[in-house]
Amino acid sequence: MSAGLPEVARIVDDALGVYADDAAAVEVLESFRARLREPLRLAVAGIVKAGKSTLLNALIGERIAPTDAGECTRTITWYRYGSTARVDLRLHDGRRISRPVRRDEGRLVLDMGGYTAEEVAWIDVAWPSESLRSTVLIDTPGIASLTVENSARSTDFFIPKDTPTAADAIIYLLRHVHAEDLKFLEAFRDTAAGESQTVNALAALSRADEIGSGRIDSLLSAAKIADRYRRDGELRSLALDVVPVAGLLAEGGRTLRESEFIALRHIAMMDRAARDRLMLTVDRFTRASDDTALSVDVRRALLRRFGLFGVRLAAALIRGGANTSSALSDRLVQQSGLVEVQRFVEDQFRGRAFALKARGILHSVERLVRERPRPNTAGLLASIERLTAQSHDLRELSLLAELRTSPPELDAAVLAEAERIVGGAGLAPARRLGLGDDAEPAAQRERIDGLMTTWRSLAESPLTDRHTADLCRGVVRSVEGAASDLFGSDAAPSSSEFGGGAAGGAASDVVLSGGPA
């Protein structure tokens, strides 16, 4: 259990003791206790046909999430690590129904056994994939679906009325920024941690290979669009970053079969004129042709797996030197944008797993106590207040949201530096300091000293208002945390003049004594 989580667990246990005679409260608190023991819960959301299940398969590295429009795609599905494969339906009436594990052409078949999406609360899939050891992945029905019930299931899951959302963070897939996208992300941000308005979403510009009509430079066009969205004021306050991703390409790359590589190599080795004719359009690619010995069925299968853009790119990569299936797999994944998504999840979401879990749980316990007070709940409130005040991991979530949603009146460059220091560009100490990973210790110390001087001076300036000064003190604590991570706690400058203990590191927390965990 991460540093800081034992304190949250103790608060939940104390609350269970206080509300032992309240069945509804006990059920919610028990779910919090289980949540603290789990890996990061990462949900994939987005409008209908955004490519959610395809991206989820790419993240897992296996084709297990259904991508066709069936009864199971209308239901929320949890994918978690298990030593053996298992599929359970969790019904609204509380029953757990075990279903057989069956695969068709490598893809898991989620057979609901006659139960409808209206009867099933969620599907629980345990799967022996290493990718699921550190992350629970949650697949959800499309937002803004023509079927009202489908949209309602996702909305109720992400934006519940009386409890925190079950997801610690989300990847939100969008093809264009629509009002529905912004409305959903805003509601999720506000629900995820109450008034803290934690920014814990990654926006993914999905199906990036279709931008530019599937041309070989489609991903470059998608990157430019993502960069424009990244600077968009509304989206900046709702998502930590915007990255382009070609989900079909990523899934195909991670699950590439040898037979598919052989077929793609055949296309790559064709005469250029014949190859260009074959791949001109989808219709040309799937019609009978004397230019290739590949059957129409094989070509249609390639199209389903990779899309026309993926086939074109794979042929180009093979001609460029990817002469084995493993080499082509690696190159396709690199080109798809999946690596950037994985890196972001590792840097921002897993690194903040404690804070993302703790923020919502502490807020919910506090709300429970205030809405249903008991004679012996004063200690609970005091514990919550103390942990919230002393945990800089939690403070950084608020600082990051504040810098994105209601920044103080400082120069743009100063605000950008503050955001970077509190982890907006990554939690690694070098990233916070704005240095390369290979920076010498002397350069690191010089940068730390300079940042401490700058931000302390700004905090102490008589021209700085109280609100901005408080933010500056938070930035100072983050610099201290980076220094502690790089050189040990003895090397971190003291912030005692600001009334706080040493800062936590990139993914650590502060114990209640105020020293580094």
Protein backbone atom coordinates (compact mmCIF):
# COMPACT_ATOMS: atom_id res chain seq x y z
CA MET A 1 0.00 0.00 0.00
CA SER A 2 1.43 3.38 -1.01
CA ALA A 3 2.62 5.92 1.52
CA GLY A 4 -0.40 7.81 2.86
CA LEU A 5 -2.94 5.12 1.98
CA PRO A 6 -2.73 3.49 5.45
CA GLU A 7 -3.88 6.80 6.95
CA VAL A 8 -6.84 6.93 4.56
CA ALA A 9 -7.63 3.28 5.35
CA ARG A 10 -7.62 4.07 9.07
CA ILE A 11 -10.08 6.92 8.53
CA VAL A 12 -12.37 4.58 6.57
CA ASP A 13 -12.10 1.94 9.32
CA ASP A 14 -12.94 4.54 11.97
CA ALA A 15 -15.96 5.60 9.93
CA LEU A 16 -17.08 1.97 9.68
CA GLY A 17 -16.98 1.78 13.46
CA VAL A 18 -19.07 4.93 13.81
CA TYR A 19 -21.68 3.90 11.22
CA ALA A 20 -21.75 0.16 11.94
CA ASP A 21 -25.55 0.26 12.38
CA ASP A 22 -26.15 2.05 9.05
CA ALA A 23 -26.28 -0.62 6.32
CA ALA A 24 -26.16 1.85 3.43
CA ALA A 25 -23.15 3.69 4.88
CA VAL A 26 -21.36 0.42 5.63
CA GLU A 27 -21.79 -0.74 2.02
CA VAL A 28 -20.26 2.47 0.68
CA LEU A 29 -17.41 2.48 3.20
CA GLU A 30 -16.60 -1.17 2.50
CA SER A 31 -16.34 -0.31 -1.19
CA PHE A 32 -13.85 2.43 -0.26
CA ARG A 33 -11.77 -0.04 1.73
CA ALA A 34 -11.67 -2.44 -1.23
CA ARG A 35 -10.78 0.40 -3.57
CA LEU A 36 -7.72 1.31 -1.53
CA ARG A 37 -6.36 -2.21 -2.02
CA GLU A 38 -6.83 -2.15 -5.80
CA PRO A 39 -4.57 -0.80 -8.54
CA LEU A 40 -5.46 2.40 -10.34
CA ARG A 41 -8.95 2.31 -11.87
CA LEU A 42 -8.73 3.75 -15.37
CA ALA A 43 -11.92 4.10 -17.41
CA VAL A 44 -12.16 4.59 -21.15
CA ALA A 45 -15.02 6.88 -22.19
CA GLY A 46 -16.22 8.77 -25.24
CA ILE A 47 -18.99 9.15 -27.73
CA VAL A 48 -20.37 6.22 -29.72
CA LYS A 49 -17.94 4.70 -32.24
CA ALA A 50 -14.98 6.66 -30.86
CA GLY A 51 -12.91 3.46 -30.65
CA LYS A 52 -13.04 2.86 -26.87
CA SER A 53 -12.94 -0.94 -26.90
CA THR A 54 -10.27 -0.97 -29.61
CA LEU A 55 -8.00 1.27 -27.52
CA LEU A 56 -8.69 -0.84 -24.45
CA ASN A 57 -7.59 -3.96 -26.35
CA ALA A 58 -4.42 -2.15 -27.36
CA LEU A 59 -3.71 -1.20 -23.74
CA ILE A 60 -4.22 -4.80 -22.60
CA GLY A 61 -2.34 -6.27 -25.54
CA GLU A 62 -5.04 -8.81 -26.37
CA ARG A 63 -8.29 -8.71 -28.32
CA ILE A 64 -10.67 -9.38 -25.44
CA ALA A 65 -12.99 -6.35 -25.35
CA PRO A 66 -15.85 -6.71 -27.86
CA THR A 67 -15.88 -4.02 -30.53
CA ASP A 68 -19.08 -4.93 -32.35
CA ALA A 69 -22.47 -3.50 -31.36
CA GLY A 70 -23.89 -6.22 -29.11
CA GLU A 71 -25.68 -6.50 -25.79
CA CYS A 72 -22.39 -6.59 -23.89
CA THR A 73 -21.21 -3.27 -25.39
CA ARG A 74 -24.26 -1.64 -23.79
CA THR A 75 -22.93 -2.66 -20.37
CA ILE A 76 -20.05 -1.39 -18.25
CA THR A 77 -17.25 -3.98 -18.23
CA TRP A 78 -14.37 -4.15 -15.73
CA TYR A 79 -11.11 -5.83 -16.75
CA ARG A 80 -8.82 -6.75 -13.86
CA TYR A 81 -5.90 -9.10 -13.34
CA GLY A 82 -6.63 -12.71 -12.44
CA SER A 83 -4.37 -15.77 -12.38
CA THR A 84 -7.04 -17.59 -14.41
CA ALA A 85 -9.59 -16.20 -16.84
CA ARG A 86 -13.07 -15.65 -15.43
CA VAL A 87 -16.21 -13.81 -16.56
CA ASP A 88 -18.97 -12.86 -14.11
CA LEU A 89 -22.17 -10.92 -14.59
CA ARG A 90 -23.01 -8.68 -11.64
CA LEU A 91 -26.77 -8.21 -11.63
CA HIS A 92 -28.65 -5.26 -10.17
CA ASP A 93 -30.29 -7.61 -7.65
CA GLY A 94 -26.86 -8.45 -6.20
CA ARG A 95 -26.39 -11.87 -7.78
CA ARG A 96 -23.12 -12.93 -9.40
CA ILE A 97 -23.60 -15.14 -12.47
CA SER A 98 -20.53 -16.96 -13.78
CA ARG A 99 -20.30 -17.29 -17.57
CA PRO A 100 -18.07 -19.59 -19.64
CA VAL A 101 -14.81 -18.20 -20.99
CA ARG A 102 -14.90 -18.64 -24.76
CA ARG A 103 -12.80 -17.15 -27.56
CA ASP A 104 -13.55 -16.82 -31.26
CA GLU A 105 -10.56 -16.20 -33.55
CA GLY A 106 -8.61 -14.96 -30.53
CA ARG A 107 -11.27 -12.52 -29.31
CA LEU A 108 -13.07 -13.10 -26.01
CA VAL A 109 -16.78 -13.75 -26.46
CA LEU A 110 -18.81 -12.12 -23.69
CA ASP A 111 -21.93 -14.29 -23.57
CA MET A 112 -24.57 -12.74 -21.30
CA GLY A 113 -26.58 -15.95 -21.21
CA GLY A 114 -29.90 -14.35 -22.05
CA TYR A 115 -29.62 -11.53 -19.50
CA THR A 116 -30.23 -8.05 -20.89
CA ALA A 117 -28.17 -4.91 -20.38
CA GLU A 118 -31.01 -3.60 -18.20
CA GLU A 119 -30.56 -6.53 -15.78
CA VAL A 120 -26.75 -6.41 -15.58
CA ALA A 121 -25.06 -3.78 -13.41
CA TRP A 122 -21.64 -4.60 -14.83
CA ILE A 123 -19.54 -7.42 -16.28
CA ASP A 124 -16.43 -8.42 -14.32
CA VAL A 125 -13.62 -9.96 -16.39
CA ALA A 126 -10.53 -11.40 -14.69
CA TRP A 127 -7.72 -11.99 -17.16
CA PRO A 128 -4.08 -13.17 -16.78
CA SER A 129 -2.53 -10.18 -18.55
CA GLU A 130 0.52 -8.43 -17.13
CA SER A 131 -0.94 -5.12 -18.30
CA LEU A 132 -3.76 -5.52 -15.79
CA ARG A 133 -1.54 -6.07 -12.74
CA SER A 134 -1.09 -2.33 -12.23
CA THR A 135 -4.34 -1.01 -13.71
CA VAL A 136 -8.01 -1.96 -13.62
CA LEU A 137 -9.45 -0.97 -17.01
CA ILE A 138 -13.14 -0.08 -17.36
CA ASP A 139 -14.96 -0.10 -20.71
CA THR A 140 -18.14 1.98 -20.90
CA PRO A 141 -21.06 2.47 -23.32
CA GLY A 142 -20.91 5.47 -25.62
CA ILE A 143 -21.81 8.95 -24.44
CA ALA A 144 -24.48 10.77 -26.48
CA SER A 145 -25.82 7.48 -27.81
CA LEU A 146 -29.06 7.45 -29.78
CA THR A 147 -30.16 4.89 -27.20
CA VAL A 148 -30.89 6.96 -24.09
CA GLU A 149 -30.38 4.00 -21.76
CA ASN A 150 -26.83 3.42 -23.02
CA SER A 151 -25.79 7.01 -22.39
CA ALA A 152 -27.48 6.94 -19.00
CA ARG A 153 -25.41 3.94 -17.90
CA SER A 154 -22.17 5.75 -18.62
CA THR A 155 -23.41 9.00 -17.11
CA ASP A 156 -24.57 7.27 -13.91
CA PHE A 157 -21.22 5.48 -13.64
CA PHE A 158 -19.01 8.52 -14.16
CA ILE A 159 -21.26 11.14 -12.56
CA PRO A 160 -23.15 9.45 -9.68
CA LYS A 161 -25.34 11.60 -7.47
CA ASP A 162 -24.41 10.42 -3.97
CA THR A 163 -20.98 8.76 -4.19
CA PRO A 164 -17.65 9.52 -5.86
CA THR A 165 -17.17 8.14 -9.32
CA ALA A 166 -15.80 4.60 -9.34
CA ALA A 167 -13.00 5.60 -11.74
CA ASP A 168 -9.78 7.17 -10.46
CA ALA A 169 -9.05 8.66 -13.89
CA ILE A 170 -10.29 8.46 -17.46
CA ILE A 171 -9.07 8.44 -21.01
CA TYR A 172 -11.72 10.33 -22.94
CA LEU A 173 -11.80 9.63 -26.67
CA LEU A 174 -13.00 12.37 -28.97
CA ARG A 175 -12.93 12.90 -32.72
CA HIS A 176 -13.82 16.60 -32.58
CA VAL A 177 -14.49 18.80 -29.56
CA HIS A 178 -18.27 19.00 -29.25
CA ALA A 179 -20.41 20.57 -26.56
CA GLU A 180 -21.33 17.08 -25.31
CA ASP A 181 -17.65 16.25 -24.78
CA LEU A 182 -17.00 19.41 -22.77
CA LYS A 183 -20.18 18.96 -20.74
CA PHE A 184 -19.25 15.40 -19.80
CA LEU A 185 -15.63 16.21 -18.91
CA GLU A 186 -16.70 19.15 -16.77
CA ALA A 187 -19.23 17.04 -14.86
CA PHE A 188 -16.65 14.26 -14.35
CA ARG A 189 -14.03 16.71 -13.11
CA ASP A 190 -16.44 18.15 -10.56
CA THR A 191 -17.73 14.74 -9.44
CA ALA A 192 -14.35 13.04 -9.22
CA ALA A 193 -13.36 14.95 -6.10
CA GLY A 194 -16.12 17.31 -5.15
CA GLU A 195 -15.14 20.92 -4.75
CA SER A 196 -11.48 20.19 -5.45
CA GLN A 197 -12.28 19.95 -9.18
CA THR A 198 -9.38 17.60 -9.78
CA VAL A 199 -8.21 17.44 -13.38
CA ASN A 200 -7.75 13.70 -13.92
CA ALA A 201 -8.61 13.10 -17.56
CA LEU A 202 -6.54 12.49 -20.67
CA ALA A 203 -8.21 13.48 -23.92
CA ALA A 204 -7.30 11.21 -26.83
CA LEU A 205 -7.93 12.35 -30.38
CA SER A 206 -9.14 8.95 -31.54
CA ARG A 207 -9.12 7.29 -34.94
CA ALA A 208 -6.28 9.60 -35.86
CA ASP A 209 -5.51 7.48 -38.91
CA GLU A 210 -8.82 8.58 -40.48
CA ILE A 211 -7.92 12.27 -40.37
CA GLY A 212 -6.88 13.29 -43.86
CA SER A 213 -8.81 10.45 -45.53
CA GLY A 214 -6.32 7.80 -44.49
CA ARG A 215 -3.30 9.36 -46.21
CA ILE A 216 0.11 8.17 -45.07
CA ASP A 217 0.62 11.54 -43.32
CA SER A 218 -2.69 11.31 -41.41
CA LEU A 219 -0.99 10.96 -38.03
CA LEU A 220 1.00 14.15 -38.63
CA SER A 221 -2.24 16.00 -39.36
CA ALA A 222 -3.77 14.52 -36.21
CA ALA A 223 -0.80 15.69 -34.13
CA LYS A 224 -1.30 19.27 -35.33
CA ILE A 225 -5.00 19.14 -34.44
CA ALA A 226 -4.21 17.68 -31.01
CA ASP A 227 -1.74 20.50 -30.39
CA ARG A 228 -4.43 23.06 -31.24
CA TYR A 229 -6.88 21.36 -28.88
CA ARG A 230 -4.16 21.23 -26.21
CA ARG A 231 -4.02 25.03 -26.22
CA ASP A 232 -7.80 25.39 -26.20
CA GLY A 233 -8.85 27.20 -23.02
CA GLU A 234 -11.94 25.10 -22.32
CA LEU A 235 -10.28 21.75 -22.88
CA ARG A 236 -7.15 22.74 -20.90
CA SER A 237 -9.26 23.12 -17.78
CA LEU A 238 -10.76 19.66 -18.23
CA ALA A 239 -7.94 17.43 -19.48
CA LEU A 240 -4.26 17.28 -18.58
CA ASP A 241 -3.23 16.62 -22.16
CA VAL A 242 -4.52 15.81 -25.65
CA VAL A 243 -2.77 13.06 -27.60
CA PRO A 244 -3.60 11.61 -31.03
CA VAL A 245 -4.01 7.83 -31.16
CA ALA A 246 -4.91 5.39 -33.93
CA GLY A 247 -6.57 2.66 -31.90
CA LEU A 248 -6.99 0.16 -34.73
CA LEU A 249 -3.32 0.51 -35.61
CA ALA A 250 -2.33 0.13 -31.95
CA GLU A 251 -4.50 -2.96 -31.46
CA GLY A 252 -3.25 -4.48 -34.71
CA GLY A 253 0.36 -3.81 -33.76
CA ARG A 254 0.08 -5.34 -30.30
CA THR A 255 -1.79 -8.43 -31.52
CA LEU A 256 -0.10 -8.94 -34.91
CA ARG A 257 -0.09 -12.56 -36.10
CA GLU A 258 2.63 -14.17 -38.20
CA SER A 259 0.13 -14.97 -40.96
CA GLU A 260 -0.87 -11.30 -41.10
CA PHE A 261 2.76 -10.24 -41.33
CA ILE A 262 3.29 -12.62 -44.26
CA ALA A 263 0.27 -11.15 -46.07
CA LEU A 264 1.43 -7.58 -45.40
CA ARG A 265 4.95 -8.46 -46.58
CA HIS A 266 3.46 -9.81 -49.80
CA ILE A 267 1.77 -6.44 -50.40
CA ALA A 268 4.96 -4.55 -49.54
CA MET A 269 6.97 -6.57 -52.07
CA MET A 270 4.52 -6.01 -54.94
CA ASP A 271 5.44 -3.90 -57.94
CA ARG A 272 4.91 -0.28 -56.92
CA ALA A 273 2.36 0.52 -59.60
CA ALA A 274 0.34 -2.60 -58.78
CA ARG A 275 0.58 -1.90 -55.06
CA ASP A 276 -0.59 1.68 -55.51
CA ARG A 277 -3.54 0.53 -57.61
CA LEU A 278 -4.50 -2.08 -55.02
CA MET A 279 -4.42 0.36 -52.09
CA LEU A 280 -6.03 3.31 -53.82
CA THR A 281 -9.42 2.84 -52.12
CA VAL A 282 -11.18 0.35 -49.86
CA ASP A 283 -13.25 -0.81 -52.82
CA ARG A 284 -10.13 -1.45 -54.92
CA PHE A 285 -8.44 -3.28 -52.05
CA THR A 286 -11.32 -5.72 -51.52
CA ARG A 287 -12.30 -6.50 -55.12
CA ALA A 288 -10.97 -9.40 -57.18
CA SER A 289 -7.61 -8.46 -58.71
CA ASP A 290 -4.95 -10.03 -60.91
CA ASP A 291 -2.30 -7.83 -59.27
CA THR A 292 -2.04 -10.00 -56.13
CA ALA A 293 -2.20 -13.64 -55.13
CA LEU A 294 -3.86 -12.70 -51.82
CA SER A 295 -7.48 -13.78 -51.71
CA VAL A 296 -10.28 -11.28 -51.24
CA ASP A 297 -11.05 -12.85 -47.84
CA VAL A 298 -7.47 -12.33 -46.65
CA ARG A 299 -7.51 -8.71 -47.79
CA ARG A 300 -10.85 -8.07 -46.11
CA ALA A 301 -9.46 -9.55 -42.90
CA LEU A 302 -6.44 -7.22 -43.11
CA LEU A 303 -8.79 -4.29 -43.63
CA ARG A 304 -10.82 -5.20 -40.54
CA ARG A 305 -7.69 -5.56 -38.44
CA PHE A 306 -5.64 -2.57 -39.61
CA GLY A 307 -7.77 -0.33 -41.81
CA LEU A 308 -6.54 0.86 -45.19
CA PHE A 309 -4.20 3.36 -43.52
CA GLY A 310 -2.69 0.57 -41.42
CA VAL A 311 -2.11 -1.64 -44.45
CA ARG A 312 -0.44 1.24 -46.31
CA LEU A 313 1.72 2.08 -43.31
CA ALA A 314 2.67 -1.54 -42.65
CA ALA A 315 3.77 -1.97 -46.26
CA ALA A 316 5.88 1.19 -46.02
CA LEU A 317 7.45 0.06 -42.74
CA ILE A 318 8.30 -3.37 -44.14
CA ARG A 319 9.97 -1.75 -47.14
CA GLY A 320 11.79 0.49 -44.65
CA GLY A 321 13.37 -2.43 -42.80
CA ALA A 322 10.74 -3.96 -40.48
CA ASN A 323 11.46 -7.43 -41.85
CA THR A 324 10.09 -9.56 -38.98
CA SER A 325 6.67 -9.70 -37.36
CA SER A 326 8.07 -8.47 -34.02
CA ALA A 327 9.85 -5.54 -35.69
CA LEU A 328 6.68 -4.57 -37.56
CA SER A 329 4.63 -4.91 -34.37
CA ASP A 330 6.95 -2.52 -32.53
CA ARG A 331 6.95 0.01 -35.37
CA LEU A 332 3.14 -0.02 -35.72
CA VAL A 333 2.70 0.55 -31.98
CA GLN A 334 5.21 3.41 -32.06
CA GLN A 335 3.42 5.04 -35.00
CA SER A 336 -0.05 4.60 -33.47
CA GLY A 337 0.42 6.98 -30.55
CA LEU A 338 -0.20 4.20 -28.01
CA VAL A 339 3.24 4.66 -26.45
CA GLU A 340 2.41 8.30 -25.65
CA VAL A 341 -0.86 7.21 -24.03
CA GLN A 342 0.91 4.53 -21.97
CA ARG A 343 3.64 6.96 -20.92
CA PHE A 344 1.06 9.53 -19.83
CA VAL A 345 -0.88 6.95 -17.82
CA GLU A 346 2.33 5.87 -16.10
CA ASP A 347 3.62 9.41 -15.43
CA GLN A 348 0.41 11.15 -14.43
CA PHE A 349 -2.20 8.61 -13.33
CA ARG A 350 -0.26 5.74 -11.74
CA GLY A 351 2.15 8.24 -10.19
CA ARG A 352 -0.81 10.01 -8.57
CA ALA A 353 -2.78 6.86 -7.71
CA PHE A 354 -2.72 7.63 -3.98
CA ALA A 355 -3.95 11.18 -4.38
CA LEU A 356 -6.60 10.29 -6.97
CA LYS A 357 -8.05 7.58 -4.73
CA ALA A 358 -7.69 9.46 -1.46
CA ARG A 359 -9.20 12.74 -2.64
CA GLY A 360 -12.55 11.26 -3.62
CA ILE A 361 -12.74 8.91 -0.62
CA LEU A 362 -11.90 11.58 1.95
CA HIS A 363 -14.39 13.99 0.40
CA SER A 364 -17.12 11.33 0.52
CA VAL A 365 -16.43 10.37 4.13
CA GLU A 366 -16.48 14.05 5.08
CA ARG A 367 -19.81 14.52 3.30
CA LEU A 368 -21.23 11.45 5.04
CA VAL A 369 -20.22 12.82 8.42
CA ARG A 370 -21.68 16.26 7.74
CA GLU A 371 -24.94 14.93 6.28
CA ARG A 372 -25.43 12.25 8.95
CA PRO A 373 -23.61 13.54 12.03
CA ARG A 374 -23.08 11.32 15.06
CA PRO A 375 -21.91 12.34 18.54
CA ASN A 376 -18.48 10.75 17.98
CA THR A 377 -17.64 12.03 14.48
CA ALA A 378 -15.57 15.07 15.45
CA GLY A 379 -12.43 12.95 15.47
CA LEU A 380 -13.14 11.76 11.94
CA LEU A 381 -13.40 15.31 10.64
CA ALA A 382 -10.20 16.27 12.44
CA SER A 383 -8.33 13.32 10.90
CA ILE A 384 -9.57 14.19 7.42
CA GLU A 385 -8.61 17.84 7.85
CA ARG A 386 -5.16 16.95 9.19
CA LEU A 387 -4.35 14.48 6.41
CA THR A 388 -5.63 16.82 3.70
CA ALA A 389 -3.55 19.69 5.07
CA GLN A 390 -0.34 17.69 5.46
CA SER A 391 -0.46 15.64 2.26
CA HIS A 392 1.22 17.60 -0.49
CA ASP A 393 0.14 14.98 -3.05
CA LEU A 394 -3.45 16.06 -2.40
CA ARG A 395 -2.47 19.72 -2.42
CA GLU A 396 -0.82 19.32 -5.83
CA LEU A 397 -4.07 18.03 -7.33
CA SER A 398 -5.81 21.21 -6.20
CA LEU A 399 -2.93 23.41 -7.39
CA LEU A 400 -2.95 21.82 -10.82
CA ALA A 401 -6.71 22.24 -11.15
CA GLU A 402 -6.46 25.84 -9.96
CA LEU A 403 -3.75 26.66 -12.48
CA ARG A 404 -5.89 25.15 -15.24
CA THR A 405 -9.29 26.54 -14.22
CA SER A 406 -8.77 29.84 -12.35
CA PRO A 407 -5.11 30.89 -12.54
CA PRO A 408 -3.86 33.92 -10.59
CA GLU A 409 -2.85 37.07 -12.43
CA LEU A 410 0.75 36.15 -13.21
CA ASP A 411 2.70 36.19 -16.47
CA ALA A 412 1.99 33.26 -18.77
CA ALA A 413 5.58 32.02 -18.49
CA VAL A 414 5.39 32.10 -14.68
CA LEU A 415 2.12 30.16 -14.69
CA ALA A 416 3.60 27.60 -17.09
CA GLU A 417 6.57 27.13 -14.77
CA ALA A 418 4.28 26.68 -11.76
CA GLU A 419 2.24 24.08 -13.61
CA ARG A 420 5.37 22.18 -14.60
CA ILE A 421 6.75 22.23 -11.04
CA VAL A 422 3.56 20.82 -9.50
CA GLY A 423 3.64 17.95 -11.99
CA GLY A 424 1.58 19.13 -14.92
CA ALA A 425 4.14 17.81 -17.41
CA GLY A 426 5.12 14.71 -15.44
CA LEU A 427 6.07 13.72 -11.91
CA ALA A 428 9.76 12.90 -12.39
CA PRO A 429 12.00 15.38 -10.51
CA ALA A 430 13.92 16.37 -13.65
CA ARG A 431 10.66 17.03 -15.50
CA ARG A 432 9.43 19.22 -12.64
CA LEU A 433 12.66 21.21 -12.68
CA GLY A 434 12.61 21.63 -16.44
CA LEU A 435 15.86 19.71 -16.90
CA GLY A 436 16.85 16.75 -19.02
CA ASP A 437 17.14 13.31 -17.44
CA ASP A 438 20.91 13.45 -17.93
CA ALA A 439 21.42 16.78 -16.12
CA GLU A 440 24.43 16.83 -13.80
CA PRO A 441 23.85 17.11 -10.02
CA ALA A 442 25.46 20.55 -10.02
CA ALA A 443 22.96 21.77 -12.61
CA GLN A 444 20.11 20.23 -10.63
CA ARG A 445 21.18 21.98 -7.42
CA GLU A 446 21.58 25.28 -9.24
CA ARG A 447 18.09 25.00 -10.72
CA ILE A 448 16.60 24.07 -7.34
CA ASP A 449 18.26 27.07 -5.66
CA GLY A 450 17.05 29.39 -8.41
CA LEU A 451 13.47 28.13 -8.26
CA MET A 452 13.38 28.31 -4.47
CA THR A 453 14.61 31.91 -4.54
CA THR A 454 12.14 32.93 -7.25
CA TRP A 455 9.05 31.39 -5.72
CA ARG A 456 9.85 32.32 -2.14
CA SER A 457 10.39 35.92 -3.22
CA LEU A 458 7.10 35.92 -5.06
CA ALA A 459 5.30 34.45 -2.05
CA GLU A 460 6.79 37.04 0.32
CA SER A 461 6.34 40.07 -1.94
CA PRO A 462 4.01 42.74 -0.49
CA LEU A 463 2.52 43.04 -4.00
CA THR A 464 1.38 39.42 -4.00
CA ASP A 465 -2.18 38.85 -2.83
CA ARG A 466 -2.92 36.20 -0.23
CA HIS A 467 -4.39 33.69 -2.67
CA THR A 468 -1.41 33.88 -5.03
CA ALA A 469 1.04 33.71 -2.13
CA ASP A 470 -0.59 30.47 -0.97
CA LEU A 471 -0.17 29.02 -4.45
CA CYS A 472 3.49 30.08 -4.49
CA ARG A 473 4.06 28.31 -1.18
CA GLY A 474 2.62 25.16 -2.73
CA VAL A 475 5.04 25.48 -5.63
CA VAL A 476 7.92 25.84 -3.14
CA ARG A 477 6.90 22.57 -1.47
CA SER A 478 6.92 20.83 -4.85
CA VAL A 479 10.46 22.09 -5.49
CA GLU A 480 11.44 20.73 -2.08
CA GLY A 481 9.92 17.38 -3.01
CA ALA A 482 11.97 17.24 -6.20
CA ALA A 483 15.12 18.12 -4.23
CA SER A 484 14.35 15.41 -1.69
CA ASP A 485 13.87 12.82 -4.42
CA LEU A 486 17.15 13.75 -6.08
CA PHE A 487 19.41 14.26 -3.06
CA GLY A 488 17.59 12.88 -0.03
CA SER A 489 15.47 14.62 2.59
CA ASP A 490 18.47 16.32 4.20
CA ALA A 491 19.18 18.15 0.94
CA ALA A 492 15.70 19.60 0.56
CA PRO A 493 15.48 23.24 1.70
CA SER A 494 13.17 23.81 4.63
CA SER A 495 9.80 25.45 4.13
CA SER A 496 9.14 25.84 7.83
CA GLU A 497 8.73 29.56 7.36
CA PHE A 498 5.64 28.71 5.35
CA GLY A 499 4.17 26.50 8.04
CA GLY A 500 4.52 23.20 6.15
CA GLY A 501 6.63 20.08 6.26
CA ALA A 502 8.79 18.70 3.52
CA ALA A 503 7.11 17.97 0.27
CA GLY A 504 6.35 14.54 -1.02
CA GLY A 505 8.20 13.29 -4.03
CA ALA A 506 6.93 12.50 -7.46
CA ALA A 507 4.70 9.66 -6.36
CA SER A 508 5.07 9.73 -2.59
CA ASP A 509 3.21 11.41 0.21
CA VAL A 510 3.86 13.12 3.53
CA VAL A 511 3.35 11.21 6.75
CA LEU A 512 1.46 12.93 9.53
CA SER A 513 4.63 13.88 11.39
CA GLY A 514 5.40 16.25 8.52
CA GLY A 515 8.58 14.52 7.39
CA PRO A 516 9.07 12.80 4.06
CA ALA A 517 7.37 9.41 3.86
